[in-house]
Protein backbone atom coordinates (compact mmCIF):
# COMPACT_ATOMS: atom_id res chain seq x y z
CA MET A 1 -129.01 21.05 43.83
CA GLN A 2 -125.65 20.45 42.16
CA LYS A 3 -123.26 17.67 43.09
CA ASN A 4 -119.80 16.93 41.71
CA VAL A 5 -119.43 13.22 40.99
CA HIS A 6 -115.96 11.67 40.72
CA ARG A 7 -115.52 9.97 37.32
CA TYR A 8 -113.11 7.14 36.59
CA SER A 9 -111.85 5.29 33.54
CA ALA A 10 -109.97 2.01 33.49
CA TYR A 11 -106.22 2.08 32.87
CA PHE A 12 -106.67 -0.77 30.40
CA PRO A 13 -109.64 -1.04 28.02
CA ARG A 14 -112.24 -3.64 29.04
CA TRP A 15 -110.81 -4.02 32.57
CA CYS A 16 -113.13 -3.33 35.47
CA GLN A 17 -114.01 -4.53 38.94
CA ALA A 18 -117.06 -6.62 39.86
CA PHE A 19 -120.26 -4.87 40.92
CA GLY A 20 -120.73 -7.17 43.92
CA ASP A 21 -123.81 -8.27 45.87
CA HIS A 22 -127.04 -6.62 44.80
CA THR A 23 -130.78 -7.05 44.71
CA PRO A 24 -131.80 -8.60 41.37
CA ASP A 25 -134.17 -6.65 39.15
CA PRO A 26 -137.11 -8.98 38.45
CA GLY A 27 -137.88 -8.94 34.74
CA GLY A 28 -134.96 -6.62 34.08
CA GLU A 29 -133.64 -8.63 31.15
CA GLY A 30 -136.77 -7.85 29.14
CA ARG A 31 -136.38 -4.08 29.48
CA ALA A 32 -134.09 -1.50 27.92
CA VAL A 33 -132.66 -0.72 31.38
CA GLU A 34 -131.88 -3.23 34.11
CA TRP A 35 -131.15 -1.83 37.58
CA LEU A 36 -128.71 -3.27 40.11
CA VAL A 37 -129.17 -1.87 43.61
CA SER A 38 -126.88 -2.54 46.55
CA GLU A 39 -126.33 -0.86 49.90
CA ASP A 40 -123.70 1.56 48.54
CA ALA A 41 -124.22 1.54 44.77
CA VAL A 42 -126.67 1.64 41.90
CA GLY A 43 -125.83 0.17 38.52
CA LEU A 44 -127.41 0.29 35.07
CA VAL A 45 -127.25 -2.38 32.43
CA VAL A 46 -128.60 -0.85 29.22
CA LEU A 47 -128.94 -1.90 25.60
CA PRO A 48 -125.58 -1.77 23.78
CA GLU A 49 -126.53 1.18 21.55
CA VAL A 50 -127.67 3.20 24.58
CA ARG A 51 -124.59 2.15 26.56
CA ARG A 52 -122.30 3.46 23.82
CA ILE A 53 -124.05 6.86 23.97
CA LEU A 54 -123.90 6.95 27.77
CA GLN A 55 -120.26 5.84 27.97
CA HIS A 56 -119.21 8.36 25.36
CA GLU A 57 -121.14 11.21 26.99
CA LEU A 58 -120.49 10.35 30.68
CA LEU A 59 -117.02 8.85 30.64
CA GLY A 60 -115.55 10.57 27.60
CA THR A 61 -113.04 13.39 27.70
CA SER A 62 -115.55 16.24 27.44
CA GLU A 63 -117.43 17.60 30.45
CA PRO A 64 -121.06 16.55 30.06
CA HIS A 65 -124.11 18.44 31.27
CA LEU A 66 -126.27 16.01 33.27
CA GLU A 67 -129.56 16.76 35.00
CA PHE A 68 -131.77 14.37 36.96
CA ALA A 69 -135.37 15.54 37.29
CA THR A 70 -138.25 13.55 38.71
CA HIS A 71 -139.64 12.63 35.29
CA ALA A 72 -136.67 13.10 32.94
CA VAL A 73 -132.92 12.75 32.62
CA ARG A 74 -131.07 15.18 30.38
CA LEU A 75 -127.58 14.39 29.17
CA ASN A 76 -126.19 17.06 26.84
CA ARG A 77 -128.53 16.99 23.83
CA HIS A 78 -130.29 13.73 24.82
CA GLU A 79 -133.44 13.62 26.94
CA PHE A 80 -134.70 10.37 28.43
CA THR A 81 -138.33 10.38 29.62
CA GLU A 82 -139.38 6.73 29.51
CA ALA A 83 -141.88 6.40 32.36
CA GLY A 84 -141.10 2.72 33.03
CA VAL A 85 -137.44 3.54 33.67
CA LEU A 86 -137.95 6.71 35.70
CA ALA A 87 -140.69 5.18 37.89
CA HIS A 88 -138.50 2.20 38.80
CA PRO A 89 -137.16 1.84 42.37
CA GLY A 90 -133.63 1.75 40.90
CA TYR A 91 -134.04 5.31 39.62
CA ALA A 92 -135.31 6.37 43.05
CA ALA A 93 -132.23 4.72 44.63
CA LEU A 94 -129.96 6.61 42.22
CA ARG A 95 -131.66 9.92 43.08
CA THR A 96 -131.21 9.11 46.78
CA LEU A 97 -127.47 8.60 46.22
CA LEU A 98 -127.27 11.88 44.31
CA LEU A 99 -129.17 13.81 46.97
CA GLY A 100 -127.11 12.32 49.83
CA ASP A 101 -124.20 13.99 51.58
CA ASP A 102 -121.70 11.25 50.66
CA GLU A 103 -119.24 11.61 47.81
CA LEU A 104 -120.33 9.73 44.70
CA HIS A 105 -118.14 7.87 42.20
CA LEU A 106 -119.02 6.90 38.59
CA PHE A 107 -117.26 4.03 36.80
CA LEU A 108 -117.88 0.83 34.81
CA THR A 109 -118.20 -2.58 36.48
CA TYR A 110 -119.21 -6.10 35.45
CA HIS A 111 -120.93 -9.07 37.07
CA LEU A 112 -120.49 -12.78 36.36
CA ILE A 113 -124.23 -13.39 35.95
CA TYR A 114 -124.32 -11.22 32.81
CA PRO A 115 -123.00 -12.21 29.37
CA PRO A 116 -119.30 -11.55 28.60
CA GLY A 117 -118.68 -7.94 27.61
CA THR A 118 -121.63 -6.58 29.59
CA ARG A 119 -120.70 -3.38 31.37
CA ILE A 120 -122.59 -1.83 34.25
CA ILE A 121 -122.58 1.95 34.59
CA THR A 122 -122.12 2.26 38.35
CA ALA A 123 -122.68 5.12 40.80
CA SER A 124 -121.21 4.26 44.19
CA ARG A 125 -120.49 5.81 47.57
CA LYS A 126 -117.19 3.90 47.50
CA ALA A 127 -114.35 4.78 45.16
CA PRO A 128 -113.28 2.04 42.73
CA LEU A 129 -110.01 0.14 43.03
CA ALA A 130 -107.11 2.53 42.40
CA LEU A 131 -105.18 -0.33 40.81
CA LEU A 132 -107.71 -0.51 37.94
CA TYR A 133 -109.02 3.05 37.54
CA LYS A 134 -107.70 6.57 37.10
CA GLU A 135 -109.76 9.57 38.12
CA MET A 136 -110.97 11.98 35.46
CA ALA A 137 -112.40 15.48 35.75
CA PRO A 138 -115.47 15.54 38.02
CA LEU A 139 -118.96 15.35 36.60
CA PRO A 140 -121.25 18.19 37.74
CA VAL A 141 -124.76 16.77 38.16
CA ILE A 142 -127.91 18.80 38.69
CA VAL A 143 -130.68 17.09 40.68
CA SER A 144 -133.99 18.90 40.40
CA GLN A 145 -137.65 18.28 41.09
């Protein structure tokens, strides 16, 4: 299945809206990926070096190739297969959003409980605030078994 995800970048560098209420990820701080799951959104807090790759590939000017499989995520030339990340309920929630009929929006957020400068890569059923973000070209995403 292919889905076009709306992508957004902030008008001003380092500006973004808050992620909002979510279920905390127990033990998330000790892992490479911490998941934030809410009713309408899923967010990822990742190590800074991984975040730079993801931001550049997902929210850069080029059109990335992104595929979500059950046991792997492929983003252009990168393949992520870490079982602990892909078996997490947060990954299942993200796949549910991708497989749903609702439009999906991708943008960066923050949350006050995380250190300054932490950015959350967010996939949401709700579009971000138009005052802060401009829409980019859509992101075609393949969701496969």
